Amino acid sequence: MAEENKSVQQDEQLSEDQLNEVAGGKNVHERRIEHLDNQTKSVENVQETRLEHLDNQTK
């Protein structure tokens, strides 16, 4: 039973190591979050510009 647990842990560790090597691991995830954050900022900027434009029209 102890050998099975070791085997499972080693398999999980290998999978994690392989993910880090192949996909860049956390770097890929961090880049995706950064990209989404930048998209959110862009949307906020567009909305702010539209609101300013509407505000200027009403003045």
Protein backbone atom coordinates (compact mmCIF):
# COMPACT_ATOMS: atom_id res chain seq x y z
CA MET A 1 0.00 0.00 0.00
CA ALA A 2 2.84 2.38 0.85
CA GLU A 3 4.42 1.63 -2.53
CA GLU A 4 1.18 2.53 -4.30
CA ASN A 5 1.08 5.88 -2.50
CA LYS A 6 4.71 6.55 -3.47
CA SER A 7 3.89 5.67 -7.07
CA VAL A 8 0.91 8.02 -7.14
CA GLN A 9 2.94 10.84 -5.60
CA GLN A 10 5.74 10.29 -8.11
CA ASP A 11 3.23 10.30 -10.98
CA GLU A 12 1.74 13.55 -9.73
CA GLN A 13 5.19 15.09 -9.32
CA LEU A 14 6.22 14.01 -12.80
CA SER A 15 3.04 15.47 -14.24
CA GLU A 16 3.67 18.76 -12.47
CA ASP A 17 7.30 18.85 -13.63
CA GLN A 18 6.29 18.00 -17.16
CA LEU A 19 3.69 20.75 -17.13
CA ASN A 20 6.31 23.25 -16.00
CA GLU A 21 8.68 22.16 -18.76
CA VAL A 22 6.20 21.86 -21.60
CA ALA A 23 3.69 24.61 -20.95
CA GLY A 24 5.81 27.01 -18.97
CA GLY A 25 3.75 26.10 -15.94
CA LYS A 26 2.76 29.13 -13.91
CA ASN A 27 4.25 31.51 -16.46
CA VAL A 28 1.52 30.66 -18.94
CA HIS A 29 -1.15 31.15 -16.30
CA GLU A 30 0.39 34.46 -15.22
CA ARG A 31 0.50 35.66 -18.83
CA ARG A 32 -3.16 34.78 -19.31
CA ILE A 33 -4.15 36.68 -16.17
CA GLU A 34 -2.05 39.66 -17.26
CA HIS A 35 -3.68 39.59 -20.70
CA LEU A 36 -7.18 39.49 -19.17
CA ASP A 37 -6.24 42.31 -16.81
CA ASN A 38 -5.07 44.40 -19.77
CA GLN A 39 -8.30 43.67 -21.63
CA THR A 40 -10.30 44.77 -18.60
CA LYS A 41 -8.33 48.01 -18.41
CA SER A 42 -8.95 48.61 -22.11
CA VAL A 43 -12.70 48.13 -21.65
CA GLU A 44 -12.65 50.50 -18.69
CA ASN A 45 -10.78 53.09 -20.78
CA VAL A 46 -13.31 52.81 -23.61
CA GLN A 47 -16.21 53.21 -21.18
CA GLU A 48 -14.53 56.20 -19.56
CA THR A 49 -14.00 57.83 -22.96
CA ARG A 50 -17.62 57.25 -23.93
CA LEU A 51 -18.87 58.71 -20.67
CA GLU A 52 -16.64 61.76 -21.11
CA HIS A 53 -17.96 62.21 -24.65
CA LEU A 54 -21.57 61.97 -23.47
CA ASP A 55 -20.84 64.37 -20.63
CA ASN A 56 -19.34 66.87 -23.07
CA GLN A 57 -22.38 66.57 -25.33
CA THR A 58 -24.75 67.43 -22.50
CA LYS A 59 -22.79 70.53 -21.50
